[in-house]
Protein backbone atom coordinates (compact mmCIF):
# COMPACT_ATOMS: atom_id res chain seq x y z
CA MET A 1 -0.51 0.20 0.00
CA ILE A 2 0.96 3.40 -1.27
CA LEU A 3 1.36 6.08 1.75
CA LYS A 4 1.13 10.02 0.71
CA GLY A 5 1.63 13.77 1.78
CA VAL A 6 -0.06 14.10 5.23
CA GLU A 7 -1.66 10.47 4.95
CA ALA A 8 2.75 9.45 5.13
CA SER A 9 3.45 11.85 8.11
CA ARG A 10 0.96 10.48 10.27
CA TYR A 11 1.45 7.15 9.68
CA PHE A 12 4.98 8.01 10.55
CA ALA A 13 4.24 9.59 14.05
CA ARG A 14 1.31 6.71 14.55
CA PRO A 15 2.71 3.37 12.91
CA ASP A 16 0.70 0.24 13.41
CA PRO A 17 2.24 -2.54 14.50
CA SER A 18 0.14 -4.99 13.40
CA LYS A 19 1.74 -4.54 9.97
CA SER A 20 4.30 -6.67 9.01
CA GLY A 21 6.46 -3.80 6.98
CA LEU A 22 7.33 -0.29 5.44
CA LEU A 23 9.25 0.85 3.20
CA ILE A 24 10.93 4.12 3.66
CA ALA A 25 12.73 5.33 0.30
CA GLY A 26 14.31 8.71 -0.76
CA ALA A 27 17.05 10.75 -2.57
CA ASP A 28 17.53 12.74 0.51
CA ALA A 29 19.29 10.39 2.76
CA MET A 30 18.54 13.29 5.98
CA ARG A 31 14.96 12.71 5.53
CA VAL A 32 14.48 9.21 5.56
CA ALA A 33 17.34 9.08 8.20
CA LEU A 34 14.40 10.70 10.05
CA LYS A 35 11.45 9.22 9.57
CA ARG A 36 12.90 5.86 10.45
CA GLN A 37 14.26 7.04 13.70
CA GLU A 38 10.85 8.25 13.79
CA VAL A 39 8.37 5.44 13.23
CA ILE A 40 11.34 3.05 15.32
CA ALA A 41 10.42 5.09 18.45
CA ALA A 42 7.19 5.13 17.84
CA LEU A 43 6.74 1.11 17.17
CA ILE A 44 9.73 0.19 19.86
CA GLY A 45 9.15 2.79 22.63
CA PRO A 46 12.32 5.19 24.31
CA GLU A 47 13.49 2.10 25.46
CA GLY A 48 13.69 -0.21 22.66
CA GLU A 49 16.86 -0.10 21.46
CA ALA A 50 18.47 -0.55 24.97
CA GLU A 51 16.68 -3.30 25.59
CA MET A 52 17.62 -5.17 22.19
CA ARG A 53 14.13 -4.75 20.82
CA LEU A 54 15.59 -3.83 17.40
CA THR A 55 18.26 -4.84 15.47
CA ARG A 56 19.39 -3.69 12.84
CA ILE A 57 20.58 -5.42 9.12
CA PRO A 58 23.20 -3.44 6.89
CA ALA A 59 22.09 -4.24 3.65
CA ALA A 60 25.86 -5.86 2.42
CA ASP A 61 24.64 -8.32 5.49
CA LEU A 62 22.19 -9.45 4.01
CA ARG A 63 23.58 -10.09 0.81
CA LYS A 64 26.45 -12.12 2.36
CA ASP A 65 23.54 -13.72 4.89
CA ALA A 66 20.32 -13.63 3.39
CA ALA A 67 18.51 -15.96 6.06
CA ALA A 68 19.25 -12.77 8.91
CA LEU A 69 16.13 -11.02 8.38
CA LEU A 70 14.11 -14.21 8.31
CA ASP A 71 15.86 -15.34 11.89
CA ALA A 72 15.23 -11.52 12.96
CA ILE A 73 11.89 -11.25 13.04
CA LYS A 74 11.61 -14.89 14.34
CA ALA A 75 13.45 -14.23 17.22
CA ILE A 76 12.13 -13.90 20.37
CA GLY A 77 13.76 -11.39 22.40
CA PHE A 78 14.30 -11.23 26.51
CA PHE A 79 12.41 -8.17 26.79
CA PRO A 80 8.86 -7.94 26.09
CA GLY A 81 7.46 -5.99 23.42
CA PRO A 82 7.08 -5.35 19.89
CA ARG A 83 10.36 -5.75 18.02
CA VAL A 84 11.43 -3.93 14.64
CA ALA A 85 14.24 -5.48 12.33
CA PHE A 86 15.65 -2.45 10.43
CA VAL A 87 17.24 -3.20 6.87
CA GLU A 88 19.63 -0.51 5.98
CA ASP A 89 20.13 1.12 2.83
CA ALA A 90 18.51 -1.84 0.39
CA THR A 91 18.51 -2.16 -2.76
CA ASP A 92 16.07 -4.10 -5.21
CA ALA A 93 18.39 -6.91 -5.65
CA LEU A 94 17.32 -7.53 -2.07
CA THR A 95 13.82 -7.41 -3.22
CA PRO A 96 13.42 -11.37 -2.91
CA VAL A 97 14.89 -11.84 0.49
CA ILE A 98 12.55 -9.55 1.89
CA ALA A 99 9.93 -10.85 0.08
CA GLU A 100 10.56 -13.71 1.92
CA ALA A 101 10.20 -12.24 4.83
CA LEU A 102 6.87 -11.10 4.28
CA LYS A 103 5.53 -14.03 3.87
CA ALA A 104 6.97 -15.73 5.93
CA TRP A 105 5.63 -12.86 8.64
CA GLN A 106 3.23 -13.96 11.47
CA PRO A 107 1.41 -11.04 13.95
CA GLY A 108 4.01 -10.87 16.60
CA ASP A 109 7.28 -11.20 14.27
CA ALA A 110 8.78 -8.26 14.65
CA VAL A 111 7.88 -5.50 11.90
CA ILE A 112 10.25 -4.67 9.15
CA VAL A 113 11.25 -1.66 7.90
CA VAL A 114 13.58 -1.09 4.88
CA THR A 115 14.98 2.55 4.13
CA ALA A 116 16.29 3.01 0.22
CA GLY A 117 17.58 5.78 -1.27
CA GLY A 118 15.62 7.02 -4.38
CA LEU A 119 13.90 4.42 -6.22
CA THR A 120 12.81 3.74 -9.63
CA GLY A 121 8.60 4.20 -10.81
CA LYS A 122 9.80 0.41 -11.66
CA SER A 123 11.31 -0.76 -8.95
CA ALA A 124 10.89 -4.17 -8.24
CA LEU A 125 11.78 -3.45 -4.31
CA LYS A 126 9.01 -0.07 -4.35
CA THR A 127 6.44 -2.38 -6.43
CA LEU A 128 6.86 -5.43 -3.46
CA PHE A 129 5.28 -2.52 -1.00
CA GLU A 130 3.24 -0.56 -2.75
CA LYS A 131 1.10 -4.42 -3.75
CA HIS A 132 1.29 -6.07 -0.53
CA PRO A 133 -1.88 -5.98 1.13
CA ALA A 134 -0.08 -5.79 4.73
CA ALA A 135 3.25 -3.09 4.11
CA PHE A 136 3.53 -0.29 2.82
CA CYS A 137 5.50 2.18 0.93
CA ALA A 138 6.13 5.53 1.41
CA MET A 139 8.67 8.09 -0.88
CA LEU A 140 9.89 11.27 0.44
CA TYR A 141 10.91 13.91 -2.30
CA ASP A 142 12.81 17.19 -2.18
CA ASP A 143 8.65 18.87 -1.03
CA PRO A 144 8.37 21.93 1.15
CA PRO A 145 7.07 20.78 4.28
CA SER A 146 3.42 20.63 4.71
CA ARG A 147 1.79 23.03 7.37
CA GLU A 148 1.20 20.09 9.78
CA GLU A 149 4.86 18.68 9.59
CA ILE A 150 6.01 22.24 10.37
CA GLU A 151 3.32 22.00 13.98
CA ASP A 152 4.09 19.03 14.61
CA ALA A 153 8.16 19.76 14.59
CA LEU A 154 7.09 23.09 16.61
CA LYS A 155 4.91 20.49 19.05
CA LYS A 156 8.16 18.14 19.72
CA ALA A 157 10.70 21.03 20.05
CA GLY A 158 8.29 22.09 22.65
CA LEU A 159 7.87 25.37 21.42
CA LYS A 160 4.62 26.84 22.17
CA ASP A 161 3.39 30.17 21.92
CA ILE A 162 4.48 31.48 18.40
CA GLY A 163 3.55 34.97 17.17
CA ARG A 164 1.52 35.02 13.71
CA GLU A 165 4.81 36.79 11.75
CA ALA A 166 7.11 34.68 13.54
CA MET A 167 5.42 31.23 12.31
CA ALA A 168 5.24 32.77 8.95
CA ASP A 169 9.38 32.80 9.44
CA LEU A 170 9.40 29.03 10.66
CA THR A 171 7.60 28.42 7.44
CA THR A 172 9.59 29.91 5.62
CA LEU A 173 13.11 29.03 7.42
CA ALA A 174 11.57 24.49 6.95
CA ARG A 175 11.54 25.51 3.62
CA ALA A 176 14.69 26.89 2.80
CA LEU A 177 16.76 24.40 5.24
CA ASP A 178 17.49 20.66 5.49
CA PRO A 179 15.14 19.04 7.43
CA GLY A 180 18.19 18.53 10.36
CA ASP A 181 19.18 21.56 10.18
CA PHE A 182 15.33 22.90 10.59
CA ARG A 183 15.02 20.14 13.03
CA GLN A 184 18.48 21.81 14.62
CA THR A 185 17.18 24.59 14.74
CA LEU A 186 13.83 24.21 16.32
CA GLU A 187 16.03 22.65 19.05
CA LYS A 188 18.05 25.48 19.90
CA ILE A 189 14.99 28.03 19.94
CA ALA A 190 13.22 25.85 22.43
CA LEU A 191 16.50 26.41 24.57
CA TYR A 192 16.03 29.80 24.02
CA LYS A 193 12.75 29.97 25.31
CA PHE A 194 12.84 27.51 28.20
CA ARG A 195 10.33 28.97 30.74
CA ASP A 196 10.09 32.09 28.57
CA ASP A 197 6.54 32.72 28.19
CA THR A 198 6.67 35.73 26.08
CA PRO A 199 5.66 34.80 22.10
CA LEU A 200 8.85 34.39 19.83
CA THR A 201 9.11 37.11 17.86
CA PRO A 202 10.86 37.34 14.20
CA ALA A 203 13.62 39.11 15.52
CA GLU A 204 14.36 35.73 17.93
CA VAL A 205 13.93 33.70 14.78
CA ALA A 206 15.97 35.30 12.67
CA ALA A 207 18.96 35.42 15.32
CA MET A 208 18.88 31.37 15.81
CA ALA A 209 18.63 30.93 12.32
CA PRO A 210 22.04 28.91 10.97
CA ALA A 211 24.63 31.63 10.36
CA THR A 212 26.10 31.05 6.95
CA ILE A 213 28.28 32.98 4.42
CA GLU A 214 25.18 33.68 2.50
CA ALA A 215 24.63 35.69 5.69
CA GLU A 216 27.76 37.66 4.94
CA VAL A 217 26.13 38.40 1.62
CA ASP A 218 23.25 39.55 2.69
CA ASP A 219 25.16 42.51 4.39
CA LEU A 220 26.56 43.26 1.55
CA LEU A 221 23.65 43.26 -0.87
CA HIS A 222 21.66 45.18 2.31
CA ALA A 223 24.56 47.85 1.47
CA VAL A 224 24.20 48.25 -2.05
CA ALA A 225 20.74 48.31 -1.63
CA GLU A 226 21.15 50.86 0.78
CA GLY A 227 23.45 53.22 -1.02
CA ARG A 228 26.15 52.38 1.23
CA ALA A 229 29.22 52.93 -1.43
CA ARG A 230 31.62 53.45 0.67
CA GLU A 231 31.23 49.83 2.83
CA VAL A 232 31.04 47.85 -1.00
CA GLY A 233 34.86 46.85 -1.11
CA LEU A 234 35.58 46.21 2.15
CA LEU A 235 32.98 43.37 2.46
CA MET A 236 33.58 42.78 -1.25
CA ARG A 237 37.45 41.79 0.10
CA ARG A 238 36.15 39.94 2.93
CA LEU A 239 33.76 37.41 0.59
CA GLU A 240 36.74 37.47 -1.66
CA GLY A 241 39.32 35.82 1.04
CA GLN A 242 35.98 33.13 1.97
CA GLY A 243 35.90 31.80 -1.41
CA VAL A 244 33.36 33.18 -3.15
CA LEU A 245 32.81 33.22 -6.45
CA PRO A 246 31.88 36.70 -8.27
CA VAL A 247 29.42 34.50 -10.05
CA THR A 248 27.54 33.70 -7.25
CA LEU A 249 27.47 37.29 -5.49
CA CYS A 250 25.59 38.38 -9.28
CA ILE A 251 23.25 35.68 -8.55
CA GLN A 252 22.97 36.62 -4.98
CA ALA A 253 22.62 40.08 -6.36
CA LEU A 254 20.13 38.87 -8.67
CA ARG A 255 18.08 37.03 -6.79
CA HIS A 256 17.86 40.36 -4.24
CA PHE A 257 16.68 43.55 -6.83
CA ARG A 258 14.27 40.56 -8.49
CA ALA A 259 12.65 40.02 -4.96
CA LEU A 260 12.51 44.36 -4.39
CA HIS A 261 10.99 44.49 -7.71
CA VAL A 262 8.48 41.55 -7.13
CA ALA A 263 7.32 43.43 -3.92
CA VAL A 264 6.41 46.62 -5.36
CA THR A 265 5.23 45.59 -8.63
CA ASP A 266 2.57 43.23 -6.21
CA SER A 267 -0.84 44.22 -6.12
CA GLY A 268 -0.87 43.27 -3.11
CA GLY A 269 1.54 45.76 -1.86
CA VAL A 270 5.19 45.49 -0.57
CA GLN A 271 4.59 43.05 2.13
CA ALA A 272 2.55 41.05 0.63
CA GLY A 273 5.48 40.43 -2.39
CA LEU A 274 8.28 39.78 -0.52
CA MET A 275 6.42 37.48 1.43
CA LYS A 276 5.83 35.83 -1.75
CA ALA A 277 9.09 35.81 -2.17
CA ARG A 278 10.03 33.87 0.84
CA ILE A 279 12.07 36.92 3.10
CA PHE A 280 11.59 36.88 6.77
CA GLY A 281 12.58 38.24 9.64
CA PRO A 282 14.11 41.62 10.28
CA ARG A 283 15.21 41.72 6.73
CA ARG A 284 11.75 41.87 5.46
CA ASP A 285 11.50 45.04 7.05
CA GLN A 286 14.72 46.34 6.60
CA MET A 287 14.28 45.50 1.88
CA GLN A 288 10.33 46.30 2.67
CA ARG A 289 12.37 49.92 3.08
CA GLN A 290 14.78 49.31 0.23
CA ALA A 291 11.81 48.67 -2.34
CA SER A 292 9.97 52.19 -1.07
CA ALA A 293 12.93 54.25 -1.79
CA TRP A 294 14.05 52.63 -5.02
CA GLY A 295 10.74 52.66 -6.92
CA ARG A 296 10.06 50.51 -10.12
CA ALA A 297 11.72 52.00 -12.34
CA ALA A 298 15.14 52.15 -10.50
CA LEU A 299 14.80 48.22 -9.76
CA GLU A 300 14.26 47.63 -13.43
CA THR A 301 17.41 49.82 -14.52
CA ALA A 302 19.35 47.45 -11.58
CA VAL A 303 18.54 44.44 -12.55
CA ALA A 304 19.44 44.72 -16.22
CA LEU A 305 22.87 46.28 -15.30
CA LEU A 306 22.93 42.98 -13.30
CA LEU A 307 21.78 40.57 -16.07
CA ASP A 308 24.39 42.63 -18.25
CA THR A 309 26.95 41.91 -16.34
CA ASP A 310 25.92 37.79 -15.56
CA LEU A 311 26.81 37.75 -19.17
CA THR A 312 29.69 39.39 -18.91
CA LEU A 313 31.14 36.84 -15.89
CA ARG A 314 30.23 34.25 -18.66
CA SER A 315 31.93 35.22 -21.39
CA ALA A 316 35.41 34.63 -22.95
CA SER A 317 35.68 38.37 -21.37
CA ARG A 318 39.38 38.54 -19.98
CA ALA A 319 38.58 41.24 -17.17
CA PRO A 320 38.97 40.44 -13.48
CA GLY A 321 35.59 38.73 -12.24
CA MET A 322 35.31 40.44 -8.78
CA ALA A 323 36.62 43.73 -10.16
CA LEU A 324 33.57 43.54 -12.67
CA MET A 325 31.51 42.54 -10.10
CA GLU A 326 32.44 45.43 -7.56
CA ARG A 327 31.84 48.24 -10.15
CA ALA A 328 28.82 46.68 -10.43
CA LEU A 329 27.49 46.85 -6.88
CA ILE A 330 29.03 50.49 -6.54
CA ARG A 331 26.85 51.96 -9.69
CA LEU A 332 24.10 50.22 -8.02
CA ALA A 333 24.74 51.83 -4.54
CA LEU A 334 25.27 54.82 -5.55
CA MET A 335 22.19 54.98 -7.77
CA GLY A 336 20.49 53.62 -4.65
CA ARG A 337 21.05 57.30 -2.80
């Protein structure tokens, strides 16, 4: 049987121990690992692994010993309680072995949990679980998390009192970060708000968000958009020292000024346009001021200048890339005045 979307999320949180097995597959290993951990914890409880009710079988070991999975599901544990036989990184080559274990499975046996990488539509392993009457198949894709998934993650982190704007920022953050990074960010926010009864604010979300080189690129782009031309050279040298390429800077600058252009042309207003562009936290307020100061015509000129610079950087021109990019940003900063 196939699990999709919200149905899959609910099953991961409350799996049915009377079913024989579950396949979790996807190209993103972190997404698969997080869901697998959630399912196994729900099946055997927090003490299940310590009580030896979890048997891990790497795919390489199962290829060497085909009877290992059947032995694991039939074994009687020393501690009472549900058991799980976990097959890690399975491939289509293991389909006959897993099919035999599913066929021999009976109520009271260990639940079979299998993880795999990205499987094709015609995958034999995927087809086995999809067509089995007592097993489930969940394919994980790189889709943004649903609101229900985000709210569930917030609940697990112990975050309750969240302002409307902070919730919008967390939703944007969930779509921008990898699942593991988002989970760590929520844990950091939960520790920060421990015994703090005030609602979570956008400023606190921004302060707890992962710091990256992109944050320094943002500092440069804000200086450009606000007409602080004297700061451009120093910030460029710092980013150049960190190995940031001129093409990368140009792409980020285009994204920034296109977001400003979307904001000034949006029928719902500047703030609505920035929300559509997934700009959150104090950065949204800063860019709202920038968009109002520039105006539509100036922003269209800025985007055209950056597009010309991007074409030059990607051409056979022998001009130094960083010098070209710096000149373009200084011209923009002077326009911003």
